[in-house]
Amino acid sequence: MRRAVYVVIAMLFMLFLTICDIVYAAAPYHIGIVTGTVSQGEDELRGAERVIQEYGDAASRGMIVHVTYPDNFMQEMETVISQIVGLADDPLMKAIVVNQSIPGTTEAFRRVKERRPDILCFAAEAQEDPGVISSVADLVTSVNDIYRGYLIPVAAKMMGATDFVHISFPRHMSYELLSRRRNIMEATCKDIGLKFHFETAPDPVSDVGVAGAQQFILEKVPAWLKKYGPNTAFFNTNVAHVEPLIRQIVTYGGYYVESSVPSPLRGYPGALGLDLTAEKGNFPAIMKKIENVIIQKGASGRLGTWAYSCGYAESAGLVELAKRVIDGKAKASIGDLIKAYEKYTPGSQWNGSYYVDLNTGIEKTNYILVYQDTYVFGKGYLGLTKLQVPQKYLKIK
């Protein structure tokens, strides 16, 4: 009798374990995401946190493995490569997303593919030559700065600008993509009736440092507005210049379509003195808080941004796309990529195109350039993703 009781108890225990495995089953596979730390890229990290919240941490039987690369990644490139390659040691690993794809990502992906050719390798905001990283990555995505060279001046005119000031410095203008975008902006301004002006500001990595570069912007914006008129729109290529530029536009007038790397977290919190700790990762709440202050300060309709950071959308969206591809529900295409982005950016609109090598004319179908519609505080979305970018601007060098 006692033995029979023990047998029944054992069977019930085994049944309990079976039920637990069903209810609390471990993820069938893992997806790795590699981002910078908060100090290097808060937007990218928040996107990783979002998918961990949804799909769980692999350490707790979930799907996502999140790794952050060191802040001084240029000096610790081998560490970066080892971190990425190390994800392939996980037998359940099916995809690796790197955002931003800092130098060393290409070599890391090459080693991953040598070990595990079955692992999908997705790269966001690649900082290596397009032809190099696209030769090993399954998918590369970046902000479509070529299209934005046309769309940003068009947006400025829609907002009410008569003049357009492009602010940069020699180091940035030596970069082919930034120089090309500037030339497209100048050609667009000429065609749509905006007066184009180029102004040089100090490079924050020069002797003046970040503080000196920001002080220059603070002093110059009122003078530029006096020189070019109150309906002048400004665009800058450097992150350090964003905060003082927004601050002075709010105070003195002018327009600001969006930053070179568009995000509501780029410049607005510091310029407006906002504490967004409670809203971290909640972009609708962040946008509402920023918009309320801008309206209160009388700057409605004069400043814009992407409503959702591209870094956030890329981290969350590429993980989602990888999951859908693994599950056989999507392909690494423009349409499926945008659908994955839109899942985490409700209310916004996206558009995209394949990267085309300007010298060879070859279209890379595993390299997708994306952009999001611009939101103007106090006015709403401009509908830029519905506009057709004339082909002639895409050929400007």
Protein backbone atom coordinates (compact mmCIF):
# COMPACT_ATOMS: atom_id res chain seq x y z
CA MET A 1 0.00 0.00 0.00
CA ARG A 2 2.74 2.43 0.98
CA ARG A 3 4.63 1.60 -2.22
CA ALA A 4 1.53 2.36 -4.28
CA VAL A 5 1.24 5.74 -2.59
CA TYR A 6 4.86 6.50 -3.42
CA VAL A 7 4.26 5.55 -7.05
CA VAL A 8 1.24 7.84 -7.25
CA ILE A 9 3.18 10.72 -5.66
CA ALA A 10 6.04 10.18 -8.10
CA MET A 11 3.66 10.19 -11.05
CA LEU A 12 1.99 13.38 -9.82
CA PHE A 13 5.41 15.00 -9.41
CA MET A 14 6.41 14.05 -12.95
CA LEU A 15 3.11 15.43 -14.21
CA PHE A 16 3.81 18.66 -12.33
CA LEU A 17 7.24 18.95 -13.95
CA THR A 18 5.73 18.33 -17.37
CA ILE A 19 3.15 21.06 -16.82
CA CYS A 20 5.89 23.44 -15.67
CA ASP A 21 7.89 22.73 -18.84
CA ILE A 22 4.81 23.50 -20.93
CA VAL A 23 3.87 26.68 -19.08
CA TYR A 24 7.41 27.92 -18.49
CA ALA A 25 9.06 26.42 -21.58
CA ALA A 26 12.46 27.76 -22.49
CA ALA A 27 12.67 29.66 -25.78
CA PRO A 28 13.32 27.32 -28.72
CA TYR A 29 16.18 29.52 -29.94
CA HIS A 30 18.11 32.65 -29.00
CA ILE A 31 18.69 36.01 -30.70
CA GLY A 32 21.70 38.06 -29.68
CA ILE A 33 21.75 41.85 -29.75
CA VAL A 34 24.90 43.92 -29.29
CA THR A 35 24.63 47.64 -28.45
CA GLY A 36 26.64 50.37 -26.82
CA THR A 37 26.12 51.41 -23.22
CA VAL A 38 23.76 54.21 -22.15
CA SER A 39 26.59 56.72 -22.42
CA GLN A 40 27.37 55.68 -26.00
CA GLY A 41 23.91 54.99 -27.38
CA GLU A 42 20.90 55.16 -25.09
CA ASP A 43 18.44 54.80 -27.97
CA GLU A 44 19.95 51.53 -29.17
CA LEU A 45 20.05 50.12 -25.65
CA ARG A 46 16.40 51.05 -24.97
CA GLY A 47 15.42 49.12 -28.07
CA ALA A 48 17.23 46.06 -26.73
CA GLU A 49 15.45 46.46 -23.40
CA ARG A 50 12.12 46.60 -25.22
CA VAL A 51 12.55 43.21 -26.89
CA ILE A 52 13.88 41.68 -23.66
CA GLN A 53 10.69 42.88 -22.00
CA GLU A 54 8.65 41.18 -24.72
CA TYR A 55 10.59 37.98 -25.37
CA GLY A 56 12.52 37.52 -22.14
CA ASP A 57 16.17 37.27 -21.21
CA ALA A 58 17.87 34.05 -22.28
CA ALA A 59 19.35 33.79 -18.78
CA SER A 60 15.79 33.35 -17.52
CA ARG A 61 14.64 30.90 -20.21
CA GLY A 62 13.76 33.73 -22.60
CA MET A 63 14.95 34.43 -26.13
CA ILE A 64 17.22 37.50 -26.01
CA VAL A 65 20.94 37.67 -25.21
CA HIS A 66 22.03 41.31 -24.79
CA VAL A 67 25.69 42.33 -24.81
CA THR A 68 27.12 45.87 -24.61
CA TYR A 69 30.44 46.72 -26.22
CA PRO A 70 33.01 48.90 -24.39
CA ASP A 71 32.74 52.70 -24.61
CA ASN A 72 36.28 52.97 -25.98
CA PHE A 73 35.48 50.43 -28.71
CA MET A 74 38.04 51.82 -31.16
CA GLN A 75 40.84 50.98 -28.71
CA GLU A 76 39.27 47.64 -27.77
CA MET A 77 38.29 46.33 -31.19
CA GLU A 78 39.42 42.78 -30.43
CA THR A 79 37.17 42.80 -27.37
CA VAL A 80 34.25 43.90 -29.54
CA ILE A 81 34.98 41.16 -32.07
CA SER A 82 35.29 38.53 -29.32
CA GLN A 83 31.98 39.61 -27.75
CA ILE A 84 30.10 39.26 -31.03
CA VAL A 85 31.78 36.00 -32.04
CA GLY A 86 31.24 34.59 -28.54
CA LEU A 87 27.49 34.63 -29.13
CA ALA A 88 27.97 31.89 -31.73
CA ASP A 89 29.12 29.52 -28.96
CA ASP A 90 25.51 29.32 -27.83
CA PRO A 91 24.03 26.28 -29.63
CA LEU A 92 20.57 27.92 -29.56
CA MET A 93 21.79 31.14 -31.19
CA LYS A 94 20.00 31.76 -34.50
CA ALA A 95 20.59 35.47 -35.16
CA ILE A 96 22.90 38.30 -34.10
CA VAL A 97 21.97 41.98 -34.38
CA VAL A 98 24.65 44.68 -33.90
CA ASN A 99 23.54 48.30 -33.40
CA GLN A 100 25.48 50.45 -33.99
CA SER A 101 27.73 48.36 -36.20
CA ILE A 102 31.01 49.87 -35.11
CA PRO A 103 34.38 49.04 -36.71
CA GLY A 104 35.16 45.36 -36.19
CA THR A 105 31.61 44.17 -36.91
CA THR A 106 32.54 42.92 -40.38
CA GLU A 107 35.39 40.78 -39.07
CA ALA A 108 33.19 39.51 -36.24
CA PHE A 109 30.45 38.48 -38.68
CA ARG A 110 33.04 36.78 -40.89
CA ARG A 111 34.22 34.66 -37.96
CA VAL A 112 30.63 33.92 -36.92
CA LYS A 113 29.81 32.69 -40.43
CA GLU A 114 32.92 30.48 -40.43
CA ARG A 115 31.74 28.78 -37.25
CA ARG A 116 27.99 28.92 -37.72
CA PRO A 117 26.82 29.76 -41.26
CA ASP A 118 23.24 29.18 -40.08
CA ILE A 119 23.27 32.29 -37.86
CA LEU A 120 21.65 35.40 -39.35
CA CYS A 121 23.88 38.47 -39.04
CA PHE A 122 22.09 41.87 -39.09
CA ALA A 123 24.01 45.17 -38.90
CA ALA A 124 22.48 48.58 -38.14
CA GLU A 125 24.17 51.93 -38.81
CA ALA A 126 27.30 50.35 -40.26
CA GLN A 127 30.45 52.40 -39.73
CA GLU A 128 32.44 50.35 -42.23
CA ASP A 129 32.51 50.50 -46.02
CA PRO A 130 29.14 49.43 -47.48
CA GLY A 131 30.77 47.06 -49.95
CA VAL A 132 32.78 45.38 -47.20
CA ILE A 133 30.13 44.80 -44.53
CA SER A 134 27.43 43.86 -47.05
CA SER A 135 29.71 41.10 -48.33
CA VAL A 136 29.31 39.16 -45.07
CA ALA A 137 26.14 40.46 -43.34
CA ASP A 138 22.75 39.02 -44.22
CA LEU A 139 21.22 42.49 -43.82
CA VAL A 140 22.57 45.99 -43.26
CA THR A 141 20.35 48.98 -42.43
CA SER A 142 21.14 52.67 -42.10
CA VAL A 143 19.38 56.03 -42.05
CA ASN A 144 18.73 57.14 -45.64
CA ASP A 145 20.80 60.31 -45.67
CA ILE A 146 20.71 60.51 -49.45
CA TYR A 147 16.92 60.85 -49.51
CA ARG A 148 17.06 63.14 -46.47
CA GLY A 149 19.34 65.48 -48.42
CA TYR A 150 16.23 66.25 -50.48
CA LEU A 151 13.51 65.80 -47.86
CA ILE A 152 14.93 68.02 -45.09
CA PRO A 153 14.99 71.23 -47.20
CA VAL A 154 11.51 70.34 -48.52
CA ALA A 155 10.33 69.96 -44.92
CA ALA A 156 11.93 73.30 -44.00
CA LYS A 157 9.96 75.04 -46.73
CA MET A 158 6.75 73.29 -45.63
CA MET A 159 7.36 74.66 -42.13
CA GLY A 160 7.73 78.22 -43.45
CA ALA A 161 11.46 78.71 -44.04
CA THR A 162 12.85 81.03 -46.71
CA ASP A 163 16.52 80.35 -46.00
CA PHE A 164 18.46 77.19 -45.14
CA VAL A 165 21.73 77.19 -43.17
CA HIS A 166 23.92 74.07 -43.21
CA ILE A 167 26.38 74.07 -40.28
CA SER A 168 29.46 71.84 -40.30
CA PHE A 169 33.29 71.79 -40.33
CA PRO A 170 36.08 70.42 -42.56
CA ARG A 171 36.42 67.00 -40.88
CA HIS A 172 32.77 66.14 -41.45
CA MET A 173 32.79 67.57 -44.96
CA SER A 174 35.67 65.22 -45.81
CA TYR A 175 33.28 62.28 -45.29
CA GLU A 176 31.78 61.29 -48.64
CA LEU A 177 28.24 60.65 -47.40
CA LEU A 178 28.00 63.88 -45.37
CA SER A 179 29.46 65.93 -48.20
CA ARG A 180 27.12 64.30 -50.68
CA ARG A 181 24.10 65.02 -48.48
CA ARG A 182 25.15 68.66 -48.21
CA ASN A 183 25.43 68.94 -52.00
CA ILE A 184 21.97 67.41 -52.45
CA MET A 185 20.59 69.90 -49.92
CA GLU A 186 22.11 72.81 -51.83
CA ALA A 187 20.71 71.60 -55.16
CA THR A 188 17.28 71.02 -53.63
CA CYS A 189 17.19 74.47 -52.05
CA LYS A 190 17.97 76.04 -55.42
CA ASP A 191 15.17 74.11 -57.10
CA ILE A 192 12.46 74.76 -54.50
CA GLY A 193 13.23 78.43 -53.88
CA LEU A 194 15.15 78.34 -50.58
CA LYS A 195 18.34 80.36 -50.18
CA PHE A 196 21.14 77.99 -49.19
CA HIS A 197 23.96 79.12 -46.87
CA PHE A 198 26.93 77.20 -45.50
CA GLU A 199 28.38 78.15 -42.12
CA THR A 200 31.46 76.66 -40.47
CA ALA A 201 31.44 75.91 -36.73
CA PRO A 202 34.26 74.60 -34.52
CA ASP A 203 34.84 70.85 -34.49
CA PRO A 204 34.14 69.57 -30.94
CA VAL A 205 37.21 67.31 -31.13
CA SER A 206 39.46 70.30 -31.85
CA ASP A 207 41.27 72.39 -29.24
CA VAL A 208 38.11 74.30 -28.31
CA GLY A 209 36.42 71.06 -27.20
CA VAL A 210 32.71 70.44 -26.81
CA ALA A 211 32.21 73.44 -24.51
CA GLY A 212 33.84 75.84 -26.96
CA ALA A 213 31.91 74.45 -29.92
CA GLN A 214 28.62 74.79 -28.06
CA GLN A 215 29.42 78.33 -26.93
CA PHE A 216 30.09 79.26 -30.56
CA ILE A 217 26.62 78.06 -31.58
CA LEU A 218 24.98 79.90 -28.68
CA GLU A 219 26.61 83.14 -29.79
CA LYS A 220 26.17 82.70 -33.52
CA VAL A 221 22.51 81.69 -33.89
CA PRO A 222 21.12 85.17 -33.01
CA ALA A 223 23.64 86.72 -35.42
CA TRP A 224 22.73 84.28 -38.20
CA LEU A 225 19.02 84.99 -37.71
CA LYS A 226 19.74 88.71 -38.00
CA LYS A 227 21.86 88.08 -41.12
CA TYR A 228 19.56 85.68 -42.97
CA GLY A 229 16.17 86.57 -41.49
CA PRO A 230 13.72 85.16 -38.91
CA ASN A 231 12.48 82.44 -41.28
CA THR A 232 15.82 80.64 -41.47
CA ALA A 233 16.01 76.87 -40.99
CA PHE A 234 19.16 75.33 -39.52
CA PHE A 235 20.75 71.93 -40.02
CA ASN A 236 23.96 70.70 -38.38
CA THR A 237 26.08 67.59 -38.78
CA ASN A 238 27.44 67.22 -35.24
CA VAL A 239 25.70 65.91 -32.12
CA ALA A 240 27.38 68.42 -29.78
CA HIS A 241 25.91 71.35 -31.71
CA VAL A 242 22.30 70.16 -31.44
CA GLU A 243 21.45 71.23 -27.89
CA PRO A 244 22.64 74.86 -28.11
CA LEU A 245 21.11 75.18 -31.57
CA ILE A 246 17.68 74.05 -30.38
CA ARG A 247 17.93 76.27 -27.28
CA GLN A 248 18.59 79.39 -29.34
CA ILE A 249 15.95 78.62 -31.97
CA VAL A 250 13.35 78.26 -29.22
CA THR A 251 14.46 81.60 -27.76
CA TYR A 252 15.20 83.71 -30.86
CA GLY A 253 13.27 82.15 -33.74
CA GLY A 254 14.05 80.15 -36.86
CA TYR A 255 13.32 76.54 -37.74
CA TYR A 256 14.87 73.16 -36.98
CA VAL A 257 13.59 70.19 -39.00
CA GLU A 258 15.56 67.41 -37.30
CA SER A 259 19.07 66.44 -36.28
CA SER A 260 21.56 64.57 -38.42
CA VAL A 261 20.81 61.52 -36.26
CA PRO A 262 17.11 62.14 -35.57
CA SER A 263 15.68 61.37 -32.16
CA PRO A 264 13.57 63.25 -29.59
CA LEU A 265 16.37 62.50 -27.14
CA ARG A 266 18.89 64.32 -29.31
CA GLY A 267 19.30 67.82 -27.86
CA TYR A 268 15.74 68.45 -26.72
CA PRO A 269 15.99 67.32 -23.07
CA GLY A 270 19.06 69.46 -22.39
CA ALA A 271 17.88 72.46 -24.41
CA LEU A 272 14.51 72.50 -22.64
CA GLY A 273 15.76 71.46 -19.18
CA LEU A 274 13.68 68.28 -19.10
CA ASP A 275 14.12 65.29 -16.82
CA LEU A 276 12.93 62.26 -18.79
CA THR A 277 13.98 59.60 -16.30
CA ALA A 278 10.40 58.51 -15.65
CA GLU A 279 9.68 58.32 -19.39
CA LYS A 280 12.80 56.39 -20.46
CA GLY A 281 12.06 54.14 -23.42
CA ASN A 282 8.48 55.48 -23.69
CA PHE A 283 8.71 57.62 -26.82
CA PRO A 284 5.05 58.76 -26.96
CA ALA A 285 5.40 60.06 -23.38
CA ILE A 286 8.75 61.67 -24.22
CA MET A 287 7.29 63.39 -27.28
CA LYS A 288 4.28 64.68 -25.34
CA LYS A 289 6.47 66.15 -22.62
CA ILE A 290 8.75 67.88 -25.13
CA GLU A 291 5.82 69.16 -27.19
CA ASN A 292 4.07 70.67 -24.16
CA VAL A 293 7.16 72.70 -23.25
CA ILE A 294 7.76 73.86 -26.82
CA ILE A 295 4.17 75.05 -27.14
CA GLN A 296 4.42 76.81 -23.77
CA LYS A 297 7.54 78.63 -24.98
CA GLY A 298 5.78 79.84 -28.12
CA ALA A 299 7.84 77.76 -30.54
CA SER A 300 4.97 75.64 -31.91
CA GLY A 301 5.44 74.57 -35.54
CA ARG A 302 9.11 75.52 -35.65
CA LEU A 303 10.97 72.41 -34.44
CA GLY A 304 10.78 68.76 -35.44
CA THR A 305 12.24 65.30 -35.06
CA TRP A 306 11.52 61.66 -35.71
CA ALA A 307 8.91 60.65 -33.13
CA TYR A 308 10.82 57.46 -32.43
CA SER A 309 14.58 57.27 -32.34
CA CYS A 310 16.02 55.36 -35.27
CA GLY A 311 18.44 53.61 -32.89
CA TYR A 312 15.55 52.34 -30.79
CA ALA A 313 13.57 51.19 -33.83
CA GLU A 314 16.59 49.46 -35.35
CA SER A 315 17.38 47.46 -32.21
CA ALA A 316 13.82 46.34 -31.58
CA GLY A 317 12.82 46.09 -35.23
CA LEU A 318 15.80 44.06 -36.40
CA VAL A 319 15.36 41.57 -33.56
CA GLU A 320 11.69 41.27 -34.53
CA LEU A 321 12.56 40.83 -38.20
CA ALA A 322 15.14 38.16 -37.32
CA LYS A 323 12.51 36.31 -35.30
CA ARG A 324 10.02 36.44 -38.16
CA VAL A 325 12.63 35.25 -40.66
CA ILE A 326 13.63 32.35 -38.39
CA ASP A 327 9.95 31.46 -37.95
CA GLY A 328 9.44 31.52 -41.72
CA LYS A 329 7.04 34.49 -41.55
CA ALA A 330 9.18 37.14 -43.26
CA LYS A 331 12.17 37.81 -45.48
CA ALA A 332 14.97 40.36 -45.18
CA SER A 333 13.12 42.73 -47.54
CA ILE A 334 12.19 46.41 -47.38
CA GLY A 335 8.51 45.66 -46.80
CA ASP A 336 9.07 43.16 -44.00
CA LEU A 337 11.72 45.38 -42.38
CA ILE A 338 9.32 48.34 -42.28
CA LYS A 339 6.57 46.15 -40.82
CA ALA A 340 8.94 45.10 -38.03
CA TYR A 341 9.88 48.74 -37.35
CA GLU A 342 6.25 49.84 -37.30
CA LYS A 343 5.44 47.31 -34.59
CA TYR A 344 7.55 49.38 -32.16
CA THR A 345 6.77 52.83 -33.59
CA PRO A 346 2.95 53.06 -33.64
CA GLY A 347 1.60 56.13 -35.39
CA SER A 348 4.75 56.79 -37.40
CA GLN A 349 5.40 56.07 -41.08
CA TRP A 350 8.55 54.63 -42.66
CA ASN A 351 9.94 54.33 -46.14
CA GLY A 352 13.08 52.78 -47.53
CA SER A 353 15.19 51.89 -50.55
CA TYR A 354 18.10 49.65 -51.39
CA TYR A 355 21.60 51.05 -51.32
CA VAL A 356 23.00 51.78 -54.78
CA ASP A 357 26.75 52.12 -55.29
CA LEU A 358 27.18 55.53 -56.95
CA ASN A 359 30.29 54.44 -58.89
CA THR A 360 29.08 51.07 -60.19
CA GLY A 361 25.31 51.58 -60.17
CA ILE A 362 24.92 48.19 -58.50
CA GLU A 363 21.95 47.86 -56.13
CA LYS A 364 22.64 45.92 -52.94
CA THR A 365 19.45 44.12 -51.92
CA ASN A 366 20.88 43.22 -48.49
CA TYR A 367 21.59 46.90 -47.67
CA ILE A 368 18.44 48.89 -46.88
CA LEU A 369 18.31 52.64 -46.25
CA VAL A 370 15.32 53.80 -44.20
CA TYR A 371 13.73 57.04 -43.05
CA GLN A 372 10.81 58.00 -40.85
CA ASP A 373 8.30 60.79 -41.34
CA THR A 374 9.19 64.04 -39.57
CA TYR A 375 6.99 65.18 -36.67
CA VAL A 376 6.79 68.93 -36.07
CA PHE A 377 5.96 69.86 -32.47
CA GLY A 378 2.61 71.62 -32.34
CA LYS A 379 1.80 70.71 -35.94
CA GLY A 380 2.12 66.95 -36.45
CA TYR A 381 3.57 64.74 -39.18
CA LEU A 382 4.59 66.31 -42.50
CA GLY A 383 3.92 63.26 -44.69
CA LEU A 384 7.47 63.11 -46.09
CA THR A 385 7.41 59.34 -46.53
CA LYS A 386 4.71 59.76 -49.20
CA LEU A 387 6.85 62.09 -51.33
CA GLN A 388 8.75 60.87 -54.36
CA VAL A 389 12.44 61.82 -54.33
CA PRO A 390 13.45 62.84 -57.89
CA GLN A 391 16.09 60.54 -59.35
CA LYS A 392 18.38 63.41 -60.33
CA TYR A 393 19.23 64.10 -56.67
CA LEU A 394 20.31 60.51 -56.12
CA LYS A 395 23.06 60.92 -58.69
CA ILE A 396 24.65 63.98 -57.08
CA LYS A 397 28.13 63.32 -55.69
